[in-house]
């Protein structure tokens, strides 16, 4: 499996993601949106974006491992944040780096009014390409 990370010269080079990811592999892994639930389905970190971000990204890592994939095989993530504001970016980045390290998949971050259940502040989904 190979991921080619490309930042076109005509666009800025982001610190936390890559503008284009070209993926070659034989198997796709689609991770459903992960929120800050524990194994029993209880919300972790009610009212605390940092705690919820840590758990949501960690849950993405758990899903990848269950499918035989690694974070460095993720080509794209989508992040949904309730009432997103620019000052949330360092909090989200810290949680992301805890799972992805230096790997920078393509991403989209969307500010939303609400998520599936009251109390959730962040949801993260991923697509990985695995040999």
C-alpha atoms as a PDB file:
ATOM      1  CA  UNK A   1       0.000   0.000   0.000  1.00  0.00           C
ATOM      2  CA  UNK A   2       1.252   3.432  -0.808  1.00  0.00           C
ATOM      3  CA  UNK A   3      -0.018   6.869   0.057  1.00  0.00           C
ATOM      4  CA  UNK A   4       1.515   9.700  -1.898  1.00  0.00           C
ATOM      5  CA  UNK A   5       1.053  12.970  -0.037  1.00  0.00           C
ATOM      6  CA  UNK A   6       0.959  15.972  -2.374  1.00  0.00           C
ATOM      7  CA  UNK A   7       0.811  19.685  -1.635  1.00  0.00           C
ATOM      8  CA  UNK A   8       0.594  21.587  -4.959  1.00  0.00           C
ATOM      9  CA  UNK A   9       3.004  24.492  -5.307  1.00  0.00           C
ATOM     10  CA  UNK A  10       0.080  26.840  -5.983  1.00  0.00           C
ATOM     11  CA  UNK A  11      -1.552  26.077  -2.607  1.00  0.00           C
ATOM     12  CA  UNK A  12      -0.372  26.557   0.967  1.00  0.00           C
ATOM     13  CA  UNK A  13       1.269  23.612   2.727  1.00  0.00           C
ATOM     14  CA  UNK A  14      -0.843  22.979   5.830  1.00  0.00           C
ATOM     15  CA  UNK A  15       0.757  21.955   9.113  1.00  0.00           C
ATOM     16  CA  UNK A  16      -1.837  19.343  10.081  1.00  0.00           C
ATOM     17  CA  UNK A  17      -3.078  17.802   6.820  1.00  0.00           C
ATOM     18  CA  UNK A  18      -2.184  17.256   3.169  1.00  0.00           C
ATOM     19  CA  UNK A  19      -4.014  18.887   0.262  1.00  0.00           C
ATOM     20  CA  UNK A  20      -4.035  15.714  -1.885  1.00  0.00           C
ATOM     21  CA  UNK A  21      -3.533  12.052  -1.036  1.00  0.00           C
ATOM     22  CA  UNK A  22      -3.051   9.550  -3.861  1.00  0.00           C
ATOM     23  CA  UNK A  23      -3.749   6.038  -2.577  1.00  0.00           C
ATOM     24  CA  UNK A  24      -2.800   2.707  -4.081  1.00  0.00           C
ATOM     25  CA  UNK A  25      -3.902  -0.467  -2.369  1.00  0.00           C
ATOM     26  CA  UNK A  26      -6.157  -3.457  -2.589  1.00  0.00           C
ATOM     27  CA  UNK A  27      -8.546  -2.931   0.332  1.00  0.00           C
ATOM     28  CA  UNK A  28     -10.513   0.073   1.574  1.00  0.00           C
ATOM     29  CA  UNK A  29     -11.463   0.473   5.229  1.00  0.00           C
ATOM     30  CA  UNK A  30     -14.299   2.895   5.983  1.00  0.00           C
ATOM     31  CA  UNK A  31     -14.550   3.928   9.632  1.00  0.00           C
ATOM     32  CA  UNK A  32     -17.956   5.273  10.635  1.00  0.00           C
ATOM     33  CA  UNK A  33     -18.077   8.541  12.513  1.00  0.00           C
ATOM     34  CA  UNK A  34     -16.596   7.991  15.972  1.00  0.00           C
ATOM     35  CA  UNK A  35     -17.700  10.003  18.967  1.00  0.00           C
ATOM     36  CA  UNK A  36     -16.510  10.023  22.570  1.00  0.00           C
ATOM     37  CA  UNK A  37     -18.228   6.811  23.672  1.00  0.00           C
ATOM     38  CA  UNK A  38     -16.642   4.235  25.927  1.00  0.00           C
ATOM     39  CA  UNK A  39     -17.077   0.477  25.373  1.00  0.00           C
ATOM     40  CA  UNK A  40     -20.472   0.556  27.104  1.00  0.00           C
ATOM     41  CA  UNK A  41     -21.754   3.421  24.942  1.00  0.00           C
ATOM     42  CA  UNK A  42     -21.391   6.085  27.628  1.00  0.00           C
ATOM     43  CA  UNK A  43     -20.289   9.591  26.671  1.00  0.00           C
ATOM     44  CA  UNK A  44     -16.761  10.377  27.869  1.00  0.00           C
ATOM     45  CA  UNK A  45     -16.007  14.009  28.766  1.00  0.00           C
ATOM     46  CA  UNK A  46     -19.426  15.639  28.786  1.00  0.00           C
ATOM     47  CA  UNK A  47     -18.952  19.336  28.017  1.00  0.00           C
ATOM     48  CA  UNK A  48     -15.176  18.918  27.496  1.00  0.00           C
ATOM     49  CA  UNK A  49     -14.042  19.199  23.873  1.00  0.00           C
ATOM     50  CA  UNK A  50     -10.466  18.076  24.640  1.00  0.00           C
ATOM     51  CA  UNK A  51     -11.605  14.903  26.430  1.00  0.00           C
ATOM     52  CA  UNK A  52     -14.128  14.130  23.698  1.00  0.00           C
ATOM     53  CA  UNK A  53     -11.610  14.786  20.914  1.00  0.00           C
ATOM     54  CA  UNK A  54      -9.071  12.477  22.589  1.00  0.00           C
ATOM     55  CA  UNK A  55     -11.659   9.698  22.887  1.00  0.00           C
ATOM     56  CA  UNK A  56     -13.122  10.154  19.385  1.00  0.00           C
ATOM     57  CA  UNK A  57      -9.693   9.992  17.711  1.00  0.00           C
ATOM     58  CA  UNK A  58      -8.674   7.071  19.940  1.00  0.00           C
ATOM     59  CA  UNK A  59     -11.877   5.295  18.873  1.00  0.00           C
ATOM     60  CA  UNK A  60     -10.875   5.813  15.231  1.00  0.00           C
ATOM     61  CA  UNK A  61      -7.558   4.140  16.082  1.00  0.00           C
ATOM     62  CA  UNK A  62      -9.414   1.250  17.736  1.00  0.00           C
ATOM     63  CA  UNK A  63     -11.604   0.793  14.661  1.00  0.00           C
ATOM     64  CA  UNK A  64      -8.608   0.813  12.335  1.00  0.00           C
ATOM     65  CA  UNK A  65      -6.830  -1.808  14.447  1.00  0.00           C
ATOM     66  CA  UNK A  66      -9.953  -3.999  14.490  1.00  0.00           C
ATOM     67  CA  UNK A  67      -9.941  -3.916  10.680  1.00  0.00           C
ATOM     68  CA  UNK A  68      -6.217  -4.683  10.425  1.00  0.00           C
ATOM     69  CA  UNK A  69      -5.340  -1.121   9.407  1.00  0.00           C
ATOM     70  CA  UNK A  70      -2.971   1.464  10.866  1.00  0.00           C
ATOM     71  CA  UNK A  71      -3.364   5.235  11.252  1.00  0.00           C
ATOM     72  CA  UNK A  72      -0.602   5.803   8.682  1.00  0.00           C
ATOM     73  CA  UNK A  73      -2.784   4.030   6.104  1.00  0.00           C
ATOM     74  CA  UNK A  74      -5.585   6.581   6.440  1.00  0.00           C
ATOM     75  CA  UNK A  75      -6.045   8.602   3.271  1.00  0.00           C
ATOM     76  CA  UNK A  76      -8.853  10.879   4.483  1.00  0.00           C
ATOM     77  CA  UNK A  77     -10.639  11.973   7.635  1.00  0.00           C
ATOM     78  CA  UNK A  78     -13.679  14.143   8.182  1.00  0.00           C
ATOM     79  CA  UNK A  79     -14.098  15.968  11.471  1.00  0.00           C
ATOM     80  CA  UNK A  80     -17.435  17.387  12.624  1.00  0.00           C
ATOM     81  CA  UNK A  81     -17.348  19.879  15.534  1.00  0.00           C
ATOM     82  CA  UNK A  82     -20.397  21.358  17.224  1.00  0.00           C
ATOM     83  CA  UNK A  83     -20.207  25.170  17.155  1.00  0.00           C
ATOM     84  CA  UNK A  84     -16.659  25.138  15.768  1.00  0.00           C
ATOM     85  CA  UNK A  85     -14.476  28.160  16.457  1.00  0.00           C
ATOM     86  CA  UNK A  86     -10.850  28.735  15.372  1.00  0.00           C
ATOM     87  CA  UNK A  87      -9.613  28.463  18.972  1.00  0.00           C
ATOM     88  CA  UNK A  88     -10.684  24.797  18.939  1.00  0.00           C
ATOM     89  CA  UNK A  89      -8.032  23.912  16.340  1.00  0.00           C
ATOM     90  CA  UNK A  90      -5.138  23.331  18.800  1.00  0.00           C
ATOM     91  CA  UNK A  91      -7.360  21.042  20.897  1.00  0.00           C
ATOM     92  CA  UNK A  92      -8.393  19.028  17.846  1.00  0.00           C
ATOM     93  CA  UNK A  93      -4.811  18.935  16.527  1.00  0.00           C
ATOM     94  CA  UNK A  94      -3.473  17.542  19.805  1.00  0.00           C
ATOM     95  CA  UNK A  95      -6.023  14.712  19.781  1.00  0.00           C
ATOM     96  CA  UNK A  96      -5.326  14.023  16.113  1.00  0.00           C
ATOM     97  CA  UNK A  97      -1.540  13.908  16.597  1.00  0.00           C
ATOM     98  CA  UNK A  98      -1.963  11.471  19.502  1.00  0.00           C
ATOM     99  CA  UNK A  99      -3.346   8.932  17.000  1.00  0.00           C
ATOM    100  CA  UNK A 100      -1.832   9.933  13.655  1.00  0.00           C
ATOM    101  CA  UNK A 101       1.564  11.271  14.744  1.00  0.00           C
ATOM    102  CA  UNK A 102       3.307  12.892  11.789  1.00  0.00           C
ATOM    103  CA  UNK A 103       0.948  11.296   9.250  1.00  0.00           C
ATOM    104  CA  UNK A 104      -1.235  13.945   7.621  1.00  0.00           C
ATOM    105  CA  UNK A 105      -4.189  12.491   5.733  1.00  0.00           C
ATOM    106  CA  UNK A 106      -6.391  14.757   3.657  1.00  0.00           C
ATOM    107  CA  UNK A 107      -9.164  16.154   5.815  1.00  0.00           C
ATOM    108  CA  UNK A 108     -12.223  18.307   6.057  1.00  0.00           C
ATOM    109  CA  UNK A 109     -13.339  19.957   9.289  1.00  0.00           C
ATOM    110  CA  UNK A 110     -16.959  21.052   9.462  1.00  0.00           C
ATOM    111  CA  UNK A 111     -18.669  23.157  12.081  1.00  0.00           C
ATOM    112  CA  UNK A 112     -22.140  21.762  12.740  1.00  0.00           C
ATOM    113  CA  UNK A 113     -25.115  22.742  14.893  1.00  0.00           C
ATOM    114  CA  UNK A 114     -25.501  19.311  16.472  1.00  0.00           C
ATOM    115  CA  UNK A 115     -24.478  15.677  16.187  1.00  0.00           C
ATOM    116  CA  UNK A 116     -26.539  12.480  16.471  1.00  0.00           C
ATOM    117  CA  UNK A 117     -27.030  12.646  20.245  1.00  0.00           C
ATOM    118  CA  UNK A 118     -27.113  15.559  22.701  1.00  0.00           C
ATOM    119  CA  UNK A 119     -23.799  16.171  24.440  1.00  0.00           C
ATOM    120  CA  UNK A 120     -21.512  15.048  21.622  1.00  0.00           C
ATOM    121  CA  UNK A 121     -19.096  17.821  20.618  1.00  0.00           C
ATOM    122  CA  UNK A 122     -16.953  16.073  17.980  1.00  0.00           C
ATOM    123  CA  UNK A 123     -17.207  13.170  15.534  1.00  0.00           C
ATOM    124  CA  UNK A 124     -14.412  11.787  13.349  1.00  0.00           C
ATOM    125  CA  UNK A 125     -14.654   9.404  10.375  1.00  0.00           C
ATOM    126  CA  UNK A 126     -11.829   7.916   8.323  1.00  0.00           C
ATOM    127  CA  UNK A 127     -10.997   6.064   5.113  1.00  0.00           C
ATOM    128  CA  UNK A 128      -7.887   3.887   5.005  1.00  0.00           C
ATOM    129  CA  UNK A 129      -6.252   2.054   2.097  1.00  0.00           C
ATOM    130  CA  UNK A 130      -4.601  -1.242   2.985  1.00  0.00           C
ATOM    131  CA  UNK A 131      -2.704  -3.839   0.920  1.00  0.00           C
END
